[in-house]
Amino acid sequence: MDTGRYNVLLVDDDLVQIDLARRAAAESCPEINLTAVVGGEAVLDWFSASVEKREQMPHIILLDLKLPKLDGLAVLRKIRMDQVTRDIPILVFSAEYTQDDVLMSYKAGANSFVSKPTDLVQFADFFRDSLAYWLHPLQRNLIYSAKDGATQ
């Protein structure tokens, strides 16, 4: 993984989880610029504003499946339909989920589904593993090659 900084967007409705993620990123993954947005409707507004301002899109989106009002699956579908955001790796997570939740997430366009980290150490490990996998230059090339129909 190169030594640049990575924009990570966290979408969650649990303020305790958001604080935990911020602490984990600050303490163990200084290469992360973590932006947290509370709720599904708020993140769609955030994307609209970011596109309008021509801001850099996140390198990875961490999306809680169980959001009130507009749930994670609805958010995932909307993100995947937008030309600007459709290629961003999206990691869906939840503390409680069923096999159907996992399958529906993948069908809606999730790149990965993981159990929600519950403490500082788990969040730090989650960030390090996610960055190593999803932002590694070879992995990024494979993602874009697959989308273009090429093989390597």
Protein backbone atom coordinates (compact mmCIF):
# COMPACT_ATOMS: atom_id res chain seq x y z
CA MET A 1 0.00 0.00 0.00
CA ASP A 2 1.40 3.40 -0.82
CA THR A 3 1.92 6.04 1.86
CA GLY A 4 -0.77 8.47 0.70
CA ARG A 5 -3.86 9.50 2.61
CA TYR A 6 -7.17 7.79 2.01
CA ASN A 7 -10.65 9.20 2.34
CA VAL A 8 -12.90 6.78 4.15
CA LEU A 9 -16.61 7.51 4.47
CA LEU A 10 -18.40 5.92 7.43
CA VAL A 11 -22.20 5.83 7.31
CA ASP A 12 -23.71 4.86 10.65
CA ASP A 13 -26.46 6.01 13.00
CA ASP A 14 -24.71 4.95 16.21
CA LEU A 15 -22.73 7.89 17.62
CA VAL A 16 -20.80 5.60 19.98
CA GLN A 17 -19.67 3.48 17.00
CA ILE A 18 -18.71 6.61 15.07
CA ASP A 19 -16.61 7.84 17.99
CA LEU A 20 -14.98 4.43 18.30
CA ALA A 21 -14.14 4.42 14.59
CA ARG A 22 -12.69 7.94 14.78
CA ARG A 23 -10.48 6.99 17.71
CA ALA A 24 -9.31 3.79 16.01
CA ALA A 25 -8.46 5.63 12.79
CA ALA A 26 -6.62 8.43 14.62
CA GLU A 27 -4.64 6.11 16.87
CA SER A 28 -3.70 3.32 14.49
CA CYS A 29 -4.27 4.43 10.89
CA PRO A 30 -3.00 7.99 10.43
CA GLU A 31 -3.29 7.63 6.65
CA ILE A 32 -7.09 7.70 6.95
CA ASN A 33 -9.16 10.84 6.58
CA LEU A 34 -12.35 9.56 8.18
CA THR A 35 -15.61 11.33 7.43
CA ALA A 36 -18.68 10.15 9.31
CA VAL A 37 -22.23 10.79 8.18
CA VAL A 38 -25.17 9.90 10.42
CA GLY A 39 -27.93 8.10 8.53
CA GLY A 40 -28.96 7.08 5.04
CA GLU A 41 -30.73 10.25 3.96
CA ALA A 42 -27.86 12.38 5.26
CA VAL A 43 -25.27 10.48 3.23
CA LEU A 44 -27.19 10.95 -0.01
CA ASP A 45 -27.31 14.70 0.74
CA TRP A 46 -23.57 14.56 1.53
CA PHE A 47 -22.84 12.93 -1.85
CA SER A 48 -24.94 15.51 -3.70
CA ALA A 49 -23.12 18.37 -2.01
CA SER A 50 -19.71 16.77 -2.62
CA VAL A 51 -20.42 16.27 -6.32
CA GLU A 52 -21.69 19.82 -6.66
CA LYS A 53 -18.51 21.16 -5.01
CA ARG A 54 -16.38 18.77 -7.09
CA GLU A 55 -14.80 17.31 -3.96
CA GLN A 56 -12.82 14.11 -4.06
CA MET A 57 -14.97 11.04 -3.52
CA PRO A 58 -14.08 8.57 -0.78
CA HIS A 59 -11.72 5.72 -1.55
CA ILE A 60 -13.86 3.34 0.53
CA ILE A 61 -17.38 3.52 1.98
CA LEU A 62 -18.21 1.72 5.23
CA LEU A 63 -21.97 1.35 5.31
CA ASP A 64 -24.07 0.19 8.25
CA LEU A 65 -26.83 -2.09 7.02
CA LYS A 66 -29.32 -1.24 9.79
CA LEU A 67 -29.97 2.47 9.35
CA PRO A 68 -33.29 4.06 10.35
CA LYS A 69 -35.61 5.54 7.71
CA LEU A 70 -33.48 4.90 4.62
CA ASP A 71 -31.70 1.61 5.33
CA GLY A 72 -28.26 0.53 4.17
CA LEU A 73 -29.57 -1.53 1.24
CA ALA A 74 -31.48 1.45 -0.17
CA VAL A 75 -28.40 3.65 0.23
CA LEU A 76 -26.25 0.99 -1.43
CA ARG A 77 -28.59 0.76 -4.43
CA LYS A 78 -28.62 4.54 -4.90
CA ILE A 79 -24.82 4.78 -4.66
CA ARG A 80 -24.41 2.00 -7.24
CA MET A 81 -26.78 3.74 -9.69
CA ASP A 82 -24.79 6.99 -9.68
CA GLN A 83 -22.03 7.32 -12.31
CA VAL A 84 -19.77 9.21 -9.88
CA THR A 85 -19.99 6.75 -7.00
CA ARG A 86 -20.69 3.36 -8.55
CA ASP A 87 -17.06 2.14 -8.57
CA ILE A 88 -16.19 3.01 -4.96
CA PRO A 89 -15.62 -0.12 -2.86
CA ILE A 90 -18.46 -0.43 -0.35
CA LEU A 91 -18.04 -2.55 2.76
CA VAL A 92 -21.37 -3.24 4.41
CA PHE A 93 -21.39 -4.15 8.08
CA SER A 94 -23.85 -4.84 10.84
CA ALA A 95 -23.81 -6.08 14.42
CA GLU A 96 -26.88 -8.24 13.82
CA TYR A 97 -27.66 -9.78 10.46
CA THR A 98 -29.02 -12.84 8.70
CA GLN A 99 -27.72 -14.78 5.73
CA ASP A 100 -30.42 -13.04 3.66
CA ASP A 101 -29.00 -9.65 4.71
CA VAL A 102 -25.59 -10.71 3.44
CA LEU A 103 -26.96 -12.06 0.14
CA MET A 104 -29.13 -8.99 -0.47
CA SER A 105 -26.13 -6.73 0.21
CA TYR A 106 -24.04 -8.51 -2.39
CA LYS A 107 -26.92 -8.45 -4.90
CA ALA A 108 -27.29 -4.70 -4.34
CA GLY A 109 -23.60 -4.14 -5.08
CA ALA A 110 -21.62 -4.51 -1.85
CA ASN A 111 -17.99 -5.44 -2.33
CA SER A 112 -17.79 -7.03 1.10
CA PHE A 113 -19.96 -7.78 4.13
CA VAL A 114 -18.39 -7.96 7.58
CA SER A 115 -19.48 -8.18 11.17
CA LYS A 116 -19.44 -4.72 12.76
CA PRO A 117 -16.34 -4.12 14.89
CA THR A 118 -17.24 -3.74 18.57
CA ASP A 119 -14.14 -2.27 20.19
CA LEU A 120 -11.12 -0.10 19.48
CA VAL A 121 -8.80 -3.00 18.61
CA GLN A 122 -11.32 -4.59 16.22
CA PHE A 123 -11.93 -1.26 14.46
CA ALA A 124 -8.18 -0.64 14.11
CA ASP A 125 -7.70 -4.14 12.65
CA PHE A 126 -10.70 -3.62 10.37
CA PHE A 127 -9.25 -0.35 9.02
CA ARG A 128 -5.79 -1.83 8.47
CA ASP A 129 -7.15 -4.95 6.75
CA SER A 130 -9.58 -2.95 4.61
CA LEU A 131 -6.91 -0.51 3.49
CA ALA A 132 -4.42 -3.27 2.74
CA TYR A 133 -6.95 -5.18 0.67
CA TRP A 134 -9.09 -2.55 -1.05
CA LEU A 135 -6.48 0.12 -1.61
CA HIS A 136 -3.49 -2.03 -2.50
CA PRO A 137 -2.45 -0.96 -6.02
CA LEU A 138 -2.70 -4.49 -7.46
CA GLN A 139 -6.19 -4.98 -5.99
CA ARG A 140 -7.34 -1.61 -7.36
CA ASN A 141 -6.08 -2.61 -10.82
CA LEU A 142 -8.02 -5.88 -10.62
CA ILE A 143 -11.22 -4.06 -9.61
CA TYR A 144 -11.01 -1.67 -12.54
CA SER A 145 -9.92 -4.36 -15.01
CA ALA A 146 -12.91 -6.51 -14.05
CA LYS A 147 -15.26 -3.56 -14.55
CA ASP A 148 -13.76 -2.92 -18.00
CA GLY A 149 -14.14 -6.58 -18.96
CA ALA A 150 -10.38 -7.18 -19.13
CA THR A 151 -8.58 -10.07 -17.51
CA GLN A 152 -5.17 -10.16 -15.91
